[in-house]
Amino acid sequence: MEYVQFMTNEEGDDLIVSFALSWGDFEEVRSLILQRTPKYEFLFDESERGVRFSDEAHWDEEDWLLSIDFGRDVVRLETQFREYELDVSGVDRQEWKQARRILKKMNFDRRFDLKLI
């Protein structure tokens, strides 16, 4: 399980939920980013619609979110290529609540399995 130091979220044309993980020295972070742009998705092929997933350790891979179990202390993510188990127990509760709201918006068409625990 990887420890999440903090989260950042954005709501605008882009919907973004980002996890900052401890990496290397405690002062270093690695980002896991979920991003969706519903406003412009109609321009994309069907296969390019959904939540894009980026892992700073694997920037060269285009990956897509398949499922997320978003719990109070633990978040489990499954993408096309990887699975993650994240400890979010230290995350600010307001950021955590905002992320839940954004994930619901991201899943307006049920492109991924969303379980809010």
N, C-alpha and C. Protein backbone atom coordinates (compact mmCIF):
# COMPACT_ATOMS: atom_id res chain seq x y z
N MET A 1 0.85 -1.17 0.00
CA MET A 1 0.00 0.00 0.00
C MET A 1 0.90 1.24 0.00
N GLU A 2 0.49 2.22 -0.79
CA GLU A 2 1.27 3.45 -0.90
C GLU A 2 0.55 4.57 -0.15
N TYR A 3 1.33 5.40 0.54
CA TYR A 3 0.78 6.46 1.36
C TYR A 3 0.58 7.73 0.53
N VAL A 4 -0.63 8.30 0.61
CA VAL A 4 -0.96 9.54 -0.08
C VAL A 4 -0.71 10.70 0.87
N GLN A 5 0.22 11.58 0.50
CA GLN A 5 0.53 12.75 1.33
C GLN A 5 -0.59 13.78 1.26
N PHE A 6 -1.08 14.02 0.03
CA PHE A 6 -2.18 14.97 -0.14
C PHE A 6 -2.84 14.72 -1.49
N MET A 7 -4.00 15.32 -1.67
CA MET A 7 -4.73 15.23 -2.93
C MET A 7 -5.01 16.64 -3.42
N THR A 8 -5.12 16.78 -4.75
CA THR A 8 -5.60 18.02 -5.34
C THR A 8 -6.69 17.65 -6.34
N ASN A 9 -7.67 18.50 -6.45
CA ASN A 9 -8.82 18.25 -7.31
C ASN A 9 -9.15 19.51 -8.08
N GLU A 10 -9.67 19.34 -9.29
CA GLU A 10 -10.08 20.48 -10.11
C GLU A 10 -11.39 20.17 -10.79
N GLU A 11 -12.25 21.20 -10.84
CA GLU A 11 -13.51 21.11 -11.58
C GLU A 11 -13.58 22.31 -12.51
N GLY A 12 -13.62 22.05 -13.77
CA GLY A 12 -13.72 23.07 -14.79
C GLY A 12 -13.98 22.33 -16.09
N ASP A 13 -13.37 22.76 -17.18
CA ASP A 13 -13.47 21.98 -18.42
C ASP A 13 -12.88 20.59 -18.19
N ASP A 14 -11.80 20.55 -17.41
CA ASP A 14 -11.19 19.27 -17.02
C ASP A 14 -11.66 18.92 -15.62
N LEU A 15 -11.95 17.64 -15.43
CA LEU A 15 -12.21 17.10 -14.10
C LEU A 15 -10.97 16.32 -13.71
N ILE A 16 -10.36 16.69 -12.58
CA ILE A 16 -9.09 16.08 -12.20
C ILE A 16 -9.11 15.69 -10.73
N VAL A 17 -8.68 14.46 -10.46
CA VAL A 17 -8.40 13.99 -9.10
C VAL A 17 -6.96 13.51 -9.14
N SER A 18 -6.14 14.08 -8.26
CA SER A 18 -4.72 13.78 -8.26
C SER A 18 -4.27 13.37 -6.87
N PHE A 19 -3.49 12.30 -6.82
CA PHE A 19 -2.94 11.78 -5.57
C PHE A 19 -1.44 12.03 -5.57
N ALA A 20 -0.92 12.61 -4.50
CA ALA A 20 0.52 12.81 -4.35
C ALA A 20 1.05 11.76 -3.37
N LEU A 21 1.85 10.82 -3.90
CA LEU A 21 2.36 9.71 -3.10
C LEU A 21 3.77 10.00 -2.63
N SER A 22 4.10 9.47 -1.46
CA SER A 22 5.48 9.53 -0.99
C SER A 22 6.32 8.71 -1.96
N TRP A 23 7.50 9.26 -2.31
CA TRP A 23 8.34 8.57 -3.29
C TRP A 23 9.80 8.88 -2.98
N GLY A 24 10.60 7.87 -2.90
CA GLY A 24 12.01 8.09 -2.58
C GLY A 24 12.13 8.68 -1.20
N ASP A 25 12.82 9.79 -1.09
CA ASP A 25 12.87 10.52 0.18
C ASP A 25 11.46 11.00 0.49
N PHE A 26 11.16 11.15 1.78
CA PHE A 26 9.81 11.56 2.16
C PHE A 26 9.41 12.89 1.54
N GLU A 27 10.39 13.73 1.23
CA GLU A 27 10.10 15.04 0.66
C GLU A 27 9.72 14.96 -0.82
N GLU A 28 10.00 13.86 -1.47
CA GLU A 28 9.67 13.70 -2.88
C GLU A 28 8.27 13.10 -3.02
N VAL A 29 7.57 13.50 -4.07
CA VAL A 29 6.25 12.95 -4.33
C VAL A 29 6.16 12.43 -5.77
N ARG A 30 5.26 11.50 -5.95
CA ARG A 30 4.95 10.94 -7.26
C ARG A 30 3.46 11.15 -7.46
N SER A 31 3.07 11.63 -8.61
CA SER A 31 1.66 11.93 -8.87
C SER A 31 0.96 10.81 -9.62
N LEU A 32 -0.25 10.51 -9.17
CA LEU A 32 -1.19 9.68 -9.90
C LEU A 32 -2.35 10.59 -10.25
N ILE A 33 -2.68 10.68 -11.54
CA ILE A 33 -3.67 11.67 -11.97
C ILE A 33 -4.79 10.99 -12.76
N LEU A 34 -6.03 11.29 -12.35
CA LEU A 34 -7.23 10.88 -13.08
C LEU A 34 -7.77 12.14 -13.75
N GLN A 35 -7.98 12.09 -15.07
CA GLN A 35 -8.42 13.28 -15.78
C GLN A 35 -9.47 12.93 -16.83
N ARG A 36 -10.50 13.76 -16.88
CA ARG A 36 -11.52 13.60 -17.90
C ARG A 36 -12.00 14.97 -18.34
N THR A 37 -12.27 15.10 -19.64
CA THR A 37 -12.73 16.37 -20.21
C THR A 37 -14.04 16.13 -20.96
N PRO A 38 -15.16 16.03 -20.21
CA PRO A 38 -16.44 15.71 -20.85
C PRO A 38 -16.88 16.73 -21.90
N LYS A 39 -16.50 17.98 -21.71
CA LYS A 39 -16.92 19.05 -22.63
C LYS A 39 -16.48 18.78 -24.07
N TYR A 40 -15.32 18.14 -24.24
CA TYR A 40 -14.76 17.93 -25.58
C TYR A 40 -14.73 16.46 -26.02
N GLU A 41 -15.23 15.58 -25.17
CA GLU A 41 -15.15 14.15 -25.50
C GLU A 41 -15.89 13.77 -26.77
N PHE A 42 -16.92 14.50 -27.12
CA PHE A 42 -17.67 14.16 -28.33
C PHE A 42 -16.78 14.22 -29.57
N LEU A 43 -15.65 14.91 -29.49
CA LEU A 43 -14.71 15.01 -30.61
C LEU A 43 -13.84 13.77 -30.77
N PHE A 44 -13.77 12.95 -29.71
CA PHE A 44 -12.89 11.79 -29.68
C PHE A 44 -13.58 10.54 -30.20
N ASP A 45 -12.76 9.59 -30.68
CA ASP A 45 -13.29 8.27 -31.00
C ASP A 45 -13.82 7.62 -29.73
N GLU A 46 -14.73 6.71 -29.87
CA GLU A 46 -15.31 6.00 -28.73
C GLU A 46 -14.23 5.40 -27.84
N SER A 47 -13.18 4.87 -28.43
CA SER A 47 -12.11 4.21 -27.66
C SER A 47 -11.25 5.20 -26.86
N GLU A 48 -11.39 6.50 -27.15
CA GLU A 48 -10.59 7.50 -26.46
C GLU A 48 -11.40 8.29 -25.43
N ARG A 49 -12.59 7.79 -25.11
CA ARG A 49 -13.43 8.45 -24.12
C ARG A 49 -13.30 7.74 -22.79
N GLY A 50 -13.36 8.52 -21.73
CA GLY A 50 -13.25 7.97 -20.38
C GLY A 50 -12.22 8.73 -19.58
N VAL A 51 -11.81 8.12 -18.47
CA VAL A 51 -10.87 8.76 -17.56
C VAL A 51 -9.45 8.32 -17.89
N ARG A 52 -8.64 9.27 -18.29
CA ARG A 52 -7.22 9.00 -18.55
C ARG A 52 -6.51 8.90 -17.21
N PHE A 53 -5.60 7.95 -17.14
CA PHE A 53 -4.84 7.74 -15.92
C PHE A 53 -3.36 7.95 -16.21
N SER A 54 -2.71 8.75 -15.38
CA SER A 54 -1.27 8.99 -15.52
C SER A 54 -0.58 8.66 -14.21
N ASP A 55 0.54 7.97 -14.32
CA ASP A 55 1.40 7.67 -13.18
C ASP A 55 2.76 8.27 -13.52
N GLU A 56 3.24 9.16 -12.67
CA GLU A 56 4.50 9.85 -12.94
C GLU A 56 5.66 8.87 -13.17
N ALA A 57 5.56 7.68 -12.60
CA ALA A 57 6.61 6.68 -12.78
C ALA A 57 6.52 6.02 -14.17
N HIS A 58 5.41 6.24 -14.87
CA HIS A 58 5.19 5.61 -16.19
C HIS A 58 4.57 6.62 -17.16
N TRP A 59 5.16 7.79 -17.30
CA TRP A 59 4.60 8.84 -18.15
C TRP A 59 4.41 8.41 -19.60
N ASP A 60 5.22 7.49 -20.05
CA ASP A 60 5.19 7.12 -21.46
C ASP A 60 4.01 6.23 -21.83
N GLU A 61 3.26 5.76 -20.86
CA GLU A 61 2.12 4.87 -21.13
C GLU A 61 0.80 5.63 -21.10
N GLU A 62 -0.04 5.40 -22.12
CA GLU A 62 -1.40 5.92 -22.07
C GLU A 62 -2.25 4.85 -21.40
N ASP A 63 -2.90 5.21 -20.34
CA ASP A 63 -3.64 4.25 -19.54
C ASP A 63 -5.03 4.81 -19.25
N TRP A 64 -5.97 3.92 -18.96
CA TRP A 64 -7.36 4.30 -18.70
C TRP A 64 -7.83 3.67 -17.41
N LEU A 65 -8.64 4.41 -16.67
CA LEU A 65 -9.21 3.91 -15.42
C LEU A 65 -10.29 2.89 -15.73
N LEU A 66 -10.22 1.73 -15.07
CA LEU A 66 -11.25 0.70 -15.20
C LEU A 66 -12.18 0.67 -14.00
N SER A 67 -11.60 0.82 -12.79
CA SER A 67 -12.43 0.81 -11.59
C SER A 67 -11.74 1.53 -10.44
N ILE A 68 -12.56 2.00 -9.53
CA ILE A 68 -12.04 2.63 -8.32
C ILE A 68 -12.98 2.34 -7.16
N ASP A 69 -12.42 1.87 -6.07
CA ASP A 69 -13.13 1.72 -4.80
C ASP A 69 -12.59 2.84 -3.92
N PHE A 70 -13.43 3.81 -3.63
CA PHE A 70 -12.99 5.02 -2.94
C PHE A 70 -13.52 4.99 -1.51
N GLY A 71 -12.67 4.54 -0.60
CA GLY A 71 -13.06 4.42 0.79
C GLY A 71 -12.52 5.55 1.65
N ARG A 72 -12.91 5.56 2.89
CA ARG A 72 -12.51 6.62 3.82
C ARG A 72 -11.01 6.60 4.08
N ASP A 73 -10.42 5.42 4.18
CA ASP A 73 -9.00 5.31 4.47
C ASP A 73 -8.18 4.66 3.36
N VAL A 74 -8.85 3.90 2.49
CA VAL A 74 -8.15 3.18 1.43
C VAL A 74 -8.85 3.39 0.09
N VAL A 75 -8.06 3.65 -0.94
CA VAL A 75 -8.57 3.76 -2.30
C VAL A 75 -7.88 2.68 -3.13
N ARG A 76 -8.68 1.91 -3.86
CA ARG A 76 -8.14 0.89 -4.76
C ARG A 76 -8.48 1.31 -6.19
N LEU A 77 -7.43 1.38 -7.01
CA LEU A 77 -7.57 1.77 -8.42
C LEU A 77 -7.15 0.61 -9.30
N GLU A 78 -7.90 0.39 -10.36
CA GLU A 78 -7.49 -0.57 -11.39
C GLU A 78 -7.51 0.15 -12.72
N THR A 79 -6.38 0.06 -13.42
CA THR A 79 -6.27 0.64 -14.75
C THR A 79 -6.05 -0.50 -15.75
N GLN A 80 -5.90 -0.15 -17.00
CA GLN A 80 -5.64 -1.18 -18.00
C GLN A 80 -4.37 -1.96 -17.69
N PHE A 81 -3.37 -1.30 -17.12
CA PHE A 81 -2.07 -1.93 -16.94
C PHE A 81 -1.65 -2.22 -15.51
N ARG A 82 -2.28 -1.57 -14.54
CA ARG A 82 -1.81 -1.70 -13.15
C ARG A 82 -2.96 -1.66 -12.16
N GLU A 83 -2.61 -2.05 -10.93
CA GLU A 83 -3.52 -1.92 -9.80
C GLU A 83 -2.79 -1.18 -8.69
N TYR A 84 -3.51 -0.35 -7.96
CA TYR A 84 -2.93 0.45 -6.89
C TYR A 84 -3.80 0.33 -5.65
N GLU A 85 -3.15 0.33 -4.50
CA GLU A 85 -3.85 0.40 -3.22
C GLU A 85 -3.23 1.57 -2.47
N LEU A 86 -4.06 2.57 -2.17
CA LEU A 86 -3.57 3.83 -1.63
C LEU A 86 -4.13 4.08 -0.23
N ASP A 87 -3.27 4.49 0.67
CA ASP A 87 -3.67 4.86 2.02
C ASP A 87 -3.98 6.36 2.02
N VAL A 88 -5.25 6.71 2.13
CA VAL A 88 -5.66 8.12 2.12
C VAL A 88 -6.09 8.59 3.51
N SER A 89 -5.71 7.86 4.53
CA SER A 89 -6.14 8.18 5.90
C SER A 89 -5.66 9.56 6.37
N GLY A 90 -4.56 10.06 5.83
CA GLY A 90 -4.04 11.36 6.24
C GLY A 90 -4.48 12.52 5.36
N VAL A 91 -5.32 12.24 4.37
CA VAL A 91 -5.75 13.27 3.43
C VAL A 91 -6.79 14.18 4.08
N ASP A 92 -6.72 15.47 3.78
CA ASP A 92 -7.69 16.44 4.25
C ASP A 92 -9.10 15.99 3.84
N ARG A 93 -10.02 15.97 4.79
CA ARG A 93 -11.38 15.45 4.54
C ARG A 93 -12.13 16.27 3.49
N GLN A 94 -11.87 17.57 3.41
CA GLN A 94 -12.54 18.38 2.39
C GLN A 94 -12.07 17.97 0.99
N GLU A 95 -10.77 17.75 0.82
CA GLU A 95 -10.24 17.28 -0.47
C GLU A 95 -10.83 15.92 -0.80
N TRP A 96 -10.92 15.06 0.20
CA TRP A 96 -11.47 13.71 0.03
C TRP A 96 -12.92 13.78 -0.44
N LYS A 97 -13.72 14.64 0.19
CA LYS A 97 -15.13 14.80 -0.19
C LYS A 97 -15.26 15.38 -1.59
N GLN A 98 -14.42 16.35 -1.91
CA GLN A 98 -14.46 16.94 -3.24
C GLN A 98 -14.09 15.90 -4.30
N ALA A 99 -13.12 15.05 -4.01
CA ALA A 99 -12.73 14.00 -4.95
C ALA A 99 -13.90 13.05 -5.22
N ARG A 100 -14.64 12.69 -4.19
CA ARG A 100 -15.81 11.82 -4.36
C ARG A 100 -16.83 12.47 -5.32
N ARG A 101 -17.07 13.75 -5.12
CA ARG A 101 -18.03 14.47 -5.96
C ARG A 101 -17.54 14.51 -7.42
N ILE A 102 -16.25 14.76 -7.62
CA ILE A 102 -15.70 14.82 -8.97
C ILE A 102 -15.74 13.44 -9.62
N LEU A 103 -15.44 12.39 -8.88
CA LEU A 103 -15.49 11.04 -9.44
C LEU A 103 -16.90 10.70 -9.93
N LYS A 104 -17.91 11.14 -9.21
CA LYS A 104 -19.30 10.92 -9.67
C LYS A 104 -19.54 11.62 -11.00
N LYS A 105 -19.03 12.85 -11.13
CA LYS A 105 -19.17 13.58 -12.39
C LYS A 105 -18.40 12.90 -13.51
N MET A 106 -17.22 12.39 -13.20
CA MET A 106 -16.41 11.69 -14.20
C MET A 106 -17.11 10.45 -14.74
N ASN A 107 -17.94 9.88 -13.92
CA ASN A 107 -18.58 8.61 -14.28
C ASN A 107 -20.02 8.80 -14.77
N PHE A 108 -20.31 9.94 -15.37
CA PHE A 108 -21.66 10.23 -15.84
C PHE A 108 -22.19 9.19 -16.82
N ASP A 109 -21.31 8.52 -17.54
CA ASP A 109 -21.73 7.52 -18.53
C ASP A 109 -21.32 6.10 -18.14
N ARG A 110 -20.91 5.94 -16.90
CA ARG A 110 -20.55 4.62 -16.34
C ARG A 110 -19.43 3.94 -17.14
N ARG A 111 -18.43 4.72 -17.52
CA ARG A 111 -17.27 4.19 -18.25
C ARG A 111 -16.36 3.35 -17.37
N PHE A 112 -16.45 3.55 -16.06
CA PHE A 112 -15.62 2.76 -15.15
C PHE A 112 -16.49 2.35 -13.96
N ASP A 113 -16.04 1.33 -13.25
CA ASP A 113 -16.76 0.88 -12.06
C ASP A 113 -16.38 1.80 -10.90
N LEU A 114 -17.38 2.39 -10.28
CA LEU A 114 -17.17 3.31 -9.17
C LEU A 114 -17.88 2.77 -7.94
N LYS A 115 -17.11 2.59 -6.89
CA LYS A 115 -17.66 2.14 -5.62
C LYS A 115 -17.23 3.13 -4.56
N LEU A 116 -18.20 3.84 -4.00
CA LEU A 116 -17.92 4.80 -2.94
C LEU A 116 -18.25 4.15 -1.61
N ILE A 117 -17.23 3.97 -0.81
CA ILE A 117 -17.39 3.24 0.45
C ILE A 117 -17.48 4.22 1.60
